[in-house]
Amino acid sequence: MKSIEAKIEAFIRTGKGDFNAIACELFHRQCHLNAAYGHYAATVCDHCEGIARWEEIPTLPIAAFKIAAISAFPVAEAAVIFHSSGTTSPDRSSHYFKDTRLYELSVLQGWPSRPTGRVRIIALSPEPASAPDSSLVHMFRTLIGHFGDAQSGFVQDHERLTALLGSLQKEGGPVWLLGTTLALNRFLDFCDARLASFTFESHLLVMETGGFKGRTESVPPQHFYRRLCATLGISMFAVLSEYGMCELSSPFYTRPGAEIRAFHAPPWVRWRIVHPLTSEPLPCGEKGVLEIFDLANLSSALAIRTEDTARMTDDGFLLDGRIPAAPAKGCSLTVY
């Protein structure tokens, strides 16, 4: 009989599997091994042992990652600990990984572009050694290691990035530029101040993530996208938006060129929009709280309730904002 880890790995590799059966098996395993999650589930649900549908699995508020060790193994055995952004350690979530194999597999299998050869990948972010607890930087490193050519890497200096993009524009090979919304917006400011622009057209793909988190330089999303496309000389078909967080192992993406920037889940993830008080699923178009069920969260909690509000569309969800009084969070606060 396959182990639960083997079942999840096969699901992620193939995109096929019995989500309900695996999710319920994983939930019962996590309740047994993960004291914090098991205690919470028993507190809010009086029939945990009898749960047989993924929709019945209690979702753990992500704030729990800030105040307890949400781990199915002794945290001293963690090979990697990802932390959410924050100004003081008590305000930061901790996600413990015994190893990052499933996490990295999820990143690679969920990535929406499949190049025929190696690609020049530029991450507008700190080097991994400078941000070892950032899940986003680890994601960038994973993409570079799997898809990137020998010259791919991390850049933070805007002068250097401008010169690099100028050279790559002339070479004409495929280029991916990865960064947070804040980091990219500040690079656009730099380009504006120096009257710099590019004409990449079809051989540049940009991935942005994180939004502005209420920062003073916040601009309407459509203005940011128009400015990004105008400066780099690309169309919206070349822009991907990513949604992820420290407490998850699997990212969501928009579809290139889509007029409505809805996020889509990989096959091993489910999500729903619920009423903040009753937890009842809401119909398409109504604003509620986003809940996520991620099978790649093998050793933490597969079911989490975010602090983000969203609306369901015909084929995905649109982020709407933060729950009132929820603190700003995300790698966009620090990874720029």
Protein backbone atom coordinates (compact mmCIF):
# COMPACT_ATOMS: atom_id res chain seq x y z
CA MET A 1 0.00 0.00 0.00
CA LYS A 2 1.30 3.45 -0.92
CA SER A 3 2.22 5.84 1.86
CA ILE A 4 0.30 9.12 2.06
CA GLU A 5 3.44 10.95 0.94
CA ALA A 6 3.75 8.71 -2.13
CA LYS A 7 0.11 9.28 -3.01
CA ILE A 8 0.51 13.04 -2.79
CA GLU A 9 3.74 12.96 -4.80
CA ALA A 10 2.05 10.92 -7.53
CA PHE A 11 -0.88 13.36 -7.58
CA ILE A 12 1.44 16.35 -7.94
CA ARG A 13 3.51 14.68 -10.67
CA THR A 14 0.56 13.53 -12.76
CA GLY A 15 -2.14 16.02 -11.83
CA LYS A 16 -4.44 13.05 -11.20
CA GLY A 17 -5.67 11.47 -7.99
CA ASP A 18 -8.56 11.02 -5.62
CA PHE A 19 -8.41 14.38 -3.89
CA ASN A 20 -11.15 13.59 -1.40
CA ALA A 21 -9.67 10.28 -0.25
CA ILE A 22 -6.14 11.66 0.06
CA ALA A 23 -7.27 14.84 1.82
CA CYS A 24 -9.26 12.91 4.42
CA GLU A 25 -6.43 10.44 5.02
CA LEU A 26 -3.97 13.30 5.41
CA PHE A 27 -6.31 15.18 7.76
CA HIS A 28 -6.67 12.20 10.10
CA ARG A 29 -2.90 11.67 10.03
CA GLN A 30 -2.25 15.31 10.84
CA CYS A 31 -4.75 15.29 13.70
CA HIS A 32 -2.89 12.30 15.16
CA LEU A 33 0.65 13.65 14.73
CA ASN A 34 0.12 17.41 14.89
CA ALA A 35 -0.97 18.26 18.43
CA ALA A 36 -1.87 21.90 17.74
CA TYR A 37 -3.95 21.17 14.65
CA GLY A 38 -5.54 18.09 16.24
CA HIS A 39 -6.57 20.07 19.33
CA TYR A 40 -8.02 22.88 17.23
CA ALA A 41 -9.95 20.47 14.98
CA ALA A 42 -11.44 18.68 18.01
CA THR A 43 -12.46 22.03 19.49
CA VAL A 44 -14.40 23.22 16.44
CA CYS A 45 -15.68 19.87 15.19
CA ASP A 46 -17.45 17.18 17.23
CA HIS A 47 -17.07 14.40 14.64
CA CYS A 48 -13.44 14.64 13.47
CA GLU A 49 -12.99 10.86 13.39
CA GLY A 50 -15.97 10.47 11.09
CA ILE A 51 -14.98 13.10 8.52
CA ALA A 52 -15.09 11.54 5.07
CA ARG A 53 -15.47 14.61 2.82
CA TRP A 54 -12.79 17.23 2.28
CA GLU A 55 -15.42 19.95 2.56
CA GLU A 56 -15.94 18.95 6.23
CA ILE A 57 -12.27 19.30 7.21
CA PRO A 58 -11.81 22.17 9.72
CA THR A 59 -9.69 24.97 8.32
CA LEU A 60 -6.97 26.27 10.64
CA PRO A 61 -6.71 30.09 10.84
CA ILE A 62 -3.30 31.08 9.57
CA ALA A 63 -2.76 33.14 12.72
CA ALA A 64 -2.14 29.78 14.42
CA PHE A 65 1.19 29.56 12.56
CA LYS A 66 2.31 32.60 14.59
CA ILE A 67 1.49 31.23 18.04
CA ALA A 68 2.02 27.46 17.82
CA ALA A 69 4.23 24.89 16.12
CA ILE A 70 1.95 23.56 13.39
CA SER A 71 4.06 20.51 12.70
CA ALA A 72 3.54 16.75 12.44
CA PHE A 73 7.13 16.09 13.52
CA PRO A 74 9.43 17.50 16.24
CA VAL A 75 10.41 20.98 15.05
CA ALA A 76 14.02 20.33 16.07
CA GLU A 77 14.15 17.97 13.07
CA ALA A 78 13.17 20.71 10.61
CA ALA A 79 15.59 21.10 7.71
CA VAL A 80 13.98 24.39 6.65
CA ILE A 81 11.75 26.90 8.44
CA PHE A 82 9.96 29.47 6.32
CA HIS A 83 8.82 32.65 8.05
CA SER A 84 6.26 35.16 6.91
CA SER A 85 7.29 38.79 6.66
CA GLY A 86 7.06 40.89 9.78
CA THR A 87 8.92 43.49 11.74
CA THR A 88 9.17 41.48 14.96
CA SER A 89 9.52 37.76 15.45
CA PRO A 90 6.28 37.26 17.45
CA ASP A 91 4.37 38.61 14.43
CA ARG A 92 5.83 36.07 12.01
CA SER A 93 4.38 32.74 11.01
CA SER A 94 6.64 29.68 11.01
CA HIS A 95 6.20 26.79 8.58
CA TYR A 96 8.39 23.77 9.36
CA PHE A 97 9.67 21.38 6.68
CA LYS A 98 11.48 18.13 7.38
CA ASP A 99 12.57 18.38 3.76
CA THR A 100 11.47 20.55 0.84
CA ARG A 101 11.02 17.83 -1.79
CA LEU A 102 7.23 18.06 -2.05
CA TYR A 103 7.34 21.84 -1.78
CA GLU A 104 9.76 22.10 -4.69
CA LEU A 105 7.86 19.53 -6.74
CA SER A 106 4.69 21.56 -6.23
CA VAL A 107 6.48 24.74 -7.37
CA LEU A 108 7.76 23.08 -10.54
CA GLN A 109 4.63 21.15 -11.46
CA GLY A 110 2.41 24.15 -10.81
CA TRP A 111 4.52 26.53 -12.90
CA PRO A 112 2.42 27.41 -15.96
CA SER A 113 5.22 27.78 -18.53
CA ARG A 114 6.99 24.78 -20.04
CA PRO A 115 10.03 25.93 -22.05
CA THR A 116 11.71 23.68 -24.62
CA GLY A 117 15.17 24.56 -23.33
CA ARG A 118 16.99 26.54 -20.68
CA VAL A 119 15.80 30.09 -19.99
CA ARG A 120 17.56 33.15 -18.61
CA ILE A 121 15.81 33.74 -15.29
CA ILE A 122 16.35 36.93 -13.33
CA ALA A 123 14.96 37.16 -9.81
CA LEU A 124 14.64 40.74 -8.59
CA SER A 125 15.20 39.76 -4.98
CA PRO A 126 17.87 39.01 -2.37
CA GLU A 127 20.13 36.00 -2.79
CA PRO A 128 18.97 32.83 -0.96
CA ALA A 129 21.87 33.17 1.51
CA SER A 130 20.53 36.58 2.53
CA ALA A 131 16.94 35.37 2.93
CA PRO A 132 17.11 31.69 3.95
CA ASP A 133 13.69 31.79 5.63
CA SER A 134 11.80 33.26 2.64
CA SER A 135 9.56 30.77 0.86
CA LEU A 136 9.40 33.13 -2.13
CA VAL A 137 13.18 33.29 -2.51
CA HIS A 138 13.28 29.49 -2.19
CA MET A 139 10.66 29.31 -4.94
CA PHE A 140 12.78 31.56 -7.17
CA ARG A 141 15.85 29.40 -6.51
CA THR A 142 13.86 26.27 -7.37
CA LEU A 143 12.70 27.72 -10.70
CA ILE A 144 16.22 28.91 -11.53
CA GLY A 145 17.73 25.53 -10.68
CA HIS A 146 15.26 23.61 -12.85
CA PHE A 147 14.59 25.92 -15.81
CA GLY A 148 17.39 28.50 -15.73
CA ASP A 149 20.57 28.68 -17.79
CA ALA A 150 24.04 29.05 -16.28
CA GLN A 151 23.82 32.86 -16.19
CA SER A 152 20.48 32.95 -14.35
CA GLY A 153 20.43 34.38 -10.86
CA PHE A 154 19.41 37.07 -8.40
CA VAL A 155 19.72 40.83 -8.95
CA GLN A 156 18.79 43.72 -6.67
CA ASP A 157 20.80 46.58 -8.14
CA HIS A 158 18.59 48.55 -10.55
CA GLU A 159 21.53 49.87 -12.60
CA ARG A 160 22.80 46.35 -13.15
CA LEU A 161 19.31 45.05 -13.99
CA THR A 162 18.79 47.82 -16.56
CA ALA A 163 22.05 46.97 -18.31
CA LEU A 164 21.30 43.25 -18.16
CA LEU A 165 17.82 43.63 -19.66
CA GLY A 166 19.27 45.86 -22.40
CA SER A 167 21.72 43.12 -23.39
CA LEU A 168 19.12 40.34 -23.22
CA GLN A 169 16.70 42.37 -25.32
CA LYS A 170 19.28 42.44 -28.14
CA GLU A 171 20.13 38.74 -27.81
CA GLY A 172 16.50 37.71 -28.32
CA GLY A 173 16.51 34.54 -26.21
CA PRO A 174 13.74 33.67 -23.71
CA VAL A 175 13.88 35.61 -20.44
CA TRP A 176 11.84 35.34 -17.22
CA LEU A 177 11.80 38.24 -14.77
CA LEU A 178 10.52 37.29 -11.31
CA GLY A 179 9.77 39.72 -8.52
CA THR A 180 7.34 41.15 -6.01
CA THR A 181 4.99 43.90 -7.09
CA LEU A 182 6.82 46.33 -4.82
CA ALA A 183 10.24 45.42 -6.21
CA LEU A 184 9.07 45.67 -9.82
CA ASN A 185 7.29 48.98 -9.18
CA ARG A 186 10.45 50.46 -7.70
CA PHE A 187 12.39 49.27 -10.73
CA LEU A 188 9.82 51.00 -12.95
CA ASP A 189 10.38 54.20 -10.94
CA PHE A 190 14.11 53.84 -11.59
CA CYS A 191 13.48 53.38 -15.32
CA ASP A 192 11.18 56.40 -15.43
CA ALA A 193 13.79 58.58 -13.75
CA ARG A 194 16.37 57.57 -16.36
CA LEU A 195 13.99 57.48 -19.33
CA ALA A 196 14.85 53.77 -19.79
CA SER A 197 12.55 51.38 -21.64
CA PHE A 198 12.76 48.09 -23.52
CA THR A 199 11.15 46.29 -26.46
CA PHE A 200 11.08 42.62 -25.50
CA GLU A 201 7.77 41.83 -27.22
CA SER A 202 7.26 38.06 -27.03
CA HIS A 203 10.47 36.68 -25.45
CA LEU A 204 10.07 38.09 -21.93
CA LEU A 205 7.79 36.57 -19.26
CA VAL A 206 7.22 38.55 -16.04
CA MET A 207 5.92 37.00 -12.83
CA GLU A 208 4.76 39.43 -10.13
CA THR A 209 3.46 38.60 -6.70
CA GLY A 210 2.39 40.13 -3.41
CA GLY A 211 0.64 43.37 -4.27
CA PHE A 212 1.50 46.62 -2.48
CA LYS A 213 0.44 45.65 1.08
CA GLY A 214 -0.93 49.12 1.76
CA ARG A 215 2.42 50.82 1.14
CA THR A 216 2.41 54.52 0.24
CA GLU A 217 3.54 53.79 -3.32
CA SER A 218 0.45 51.66 -3.90
CA VAL A 219 -1.14 52.20 -7.31
CA PRO A 220 -4.25 50.67 -8.90
CA PRO A 221 -3.40 47.23 -10.35
CA GLN A 222 -4.37 48.13 -13.90
CA HIS A 223 -2.12 51.20 -13.79
CA PHE A 224 0.77 49.05 -12.55
CA TYR A 225 0.24 46.49 -15.34
CA ARG A 226 0.00 49.14 -18.05
CA ARG A 227 3.18 50.77 -16.80
CA LEU A 228 4.98 47.41 -16.55
CA CYS A 229 4.02 46.50 -20.12
CA ALA A 230 4.90 49.92 -21.51
CA THR A 231 8.34 50.03 -19.87
CA LEU A 232 9.34 46.48 -20.81
CA GLY A 233 7.70 46.48 -24.23
CA ILE A 234 5.48 43.46 -23.63
CA SER A 235 1.77 42.64 -23.68
CA MET A 236 -0.37 41.36 -20.82
CA PHE A 237 0.04 37.87 -22.31
CA ALA A 238 3.58 38.05 -20.92
CA VAL A 239 2.54 38.85 -17.33
CA LEU A 240 1.75 36.23 -14.70
CA SER A 241 0.47 37.08 -11.23
CA GLU A 242 1.19 34.62 -8.41
CA TYR A 243 -0.63 34.14 -5.11
CA GLY A 244 1.10 32.24 -2.35
CA MET A 245 2.12 32.51 1.28
CA CYS A 246 4.50 31.11 3.85
CA GLU A 247 1.77 28.85 5.29
CA LEU A 248 1.12 27.15 1.93
CA SER A 249 3.25 24.86 -0.22
CA SER A 250 1.45 25.40 -3.54
CA PRO A 251 1.13 28.67 -5.48
CA PHE A 252 -1.81 29.95 -7.54
CA TYR A 253 -1.43 31.80 -10.86
CA THR A 254 -3.43 33.96 -13.20
CA ARG A 255 -3.67 33.04 -16.87
CA PRO A 256 -1.49 35.13 -19.19
CA GLY A 257 -3.39 37.83 -21.02
CA ALA A 258 -6.63 37.27 -19.15
CA GLU A 259 -8.70 40.43 -18.85
CA ILE A 260 -9.96 39.28 -15.44
CA ARG A 261 -6.93 38.48 -13.25
CA ALA A 262 -8.47 35.43 -11.56
CA PHE A 263 -6.23 32.97 -9.72
CA HIS A 264 -6.31 29.26 -10.54
CA ALA A 265 -5.31 26.32 -8.35
CA PRO A 266 -3.21 23.31 -9.38
CA PRO A 267 -5.03 19.94 -9.41
CA TRP A 268 -3.87 18.90 -5.92
CA VAL A 269 -5.35 22.03 -4.29
CA ARG A 270 -8.95 23.00 -3.55
CA TRP A 271 -10.29 26.36 -2.36
CA ARG A 272 -13.57 28.01 -1.48
CA ILE A 273 -14.98 31.39 -0.46
CA VAL A 274 -16.95 31.28 2.82
CA HIS A 275 -19.01 33.62 4.98
CA PRO A 276 -16.73 34.96 7.73
CA LEU A 277 -19.23 34.16 10.52
CA THR A 278 -21.06 31.03 9.38
CA SER A 279 -18.30 29.45 7.24
CA GLU A 280 -20.97 28.62 4.67
CA PRO A 281 -19.68 28.57 1.06
CA LEU A 282 -20.73 31.65 -0.87
CA PRO A 283 -22.03 31.78 -4.44
CA CYS A 284 -20.13 33.22 -7.39
CA GLY A 285 -19.50 36.95 -7.08
CA GLU A 286 -20.06 37.33 -3.33
CA LYS A 287 -17.22 38.57 -1.15
CA GLY A 288 -16.02 36.25 1.61
CA VAL A 289 -12.99 34.69 3.27
CA LEU A 290 -10.66 32.50 1.22
CA GLU A 291 -10.02 28.96 2.50
CA ILE A 292 -7.42 26.67 0.92
CA PHE A 293 -6.86 22.89 1.04
CA ASP A 294 -3.31 22.07 -0.07
CA LEU A 295 -2.19 18.43 -0.19
CA ALA A 296 1.44 19.53 -0.45
CA ASN A 297 1.18 20.78 3.17
CA LEU A 298 2.12 17.26 4.21
CA SER A 299 3.54 17.95 7.66
CA SER A 300 1.67 21.06 8.78
CA ALA A 301 -2.04 21.64 8.13
CA LEU A 302 -3.58 20.90 4.76
CA ALA A 303 -6.64 23.12 5.41
CA ILE A 304 -6.15 26.78 6.25
CA ARG A 305 -8.37 29.83 6.51
CA THR A 306 -6.56 32.85 5.13
CA GLU A 307 -6.98 36.46 6.20
CA ASP A 308 -7.72 37.44 2.60
CA THR A 309 -11.12 38.25 1.16
CA ALA A 310 -11.98 37.11 -2.35
CA ARG A 311 -14.79 36.55 -4.83
CA MET A 312 -15.39 33.44 -6.89
CA THR A 313 -15.51 33.85 -10.67
CA ASP A 314 -16.57 31.33 -13.29
CA ASP A 315 -13.16 29.65 -13.27
CA GLY A 316 -11.15 30.98 -10.33
CA PHE A 317 -11.11 33.65 -7.64
CA LEU A 318 -10.36 37.36 -7.49
CA LEU A 319 -8.57 38.73 -4.45
CA ASP A 320 -10.54 41.54 -2.86
CA GLY A 321 -8.40 42.64 0.09
CA ARG A 322 -7.64 41.78 3.68
CA ILE A 323 -10.04 40.98 6.49
CA PRO A 324 -10.50 44.23 8.49
CA ALA A 325 -7.79 44.56 11.17
CA ALA A 326 -5.72 41.72 9.67
CA PRO A 327 -2.06 42.77 9.48
CA ALA A 328 -0.37 43.20 6.12
CA LYS A 329 1.74 40.16 5.34
CA GLY A 330 3.65 38.52 2.56
CA CYS A 331 7.07 38.48 0.98
CA SER A 332 6.33 41.76 -0.78
CA LEU A 333 7.00 43.47 2.55
CA THR A 334 10.64 42.41 2.64
CA VAL A 335 11.72 40.79 -0.62
CA TYR A 336 12.57 43.82 -2.75
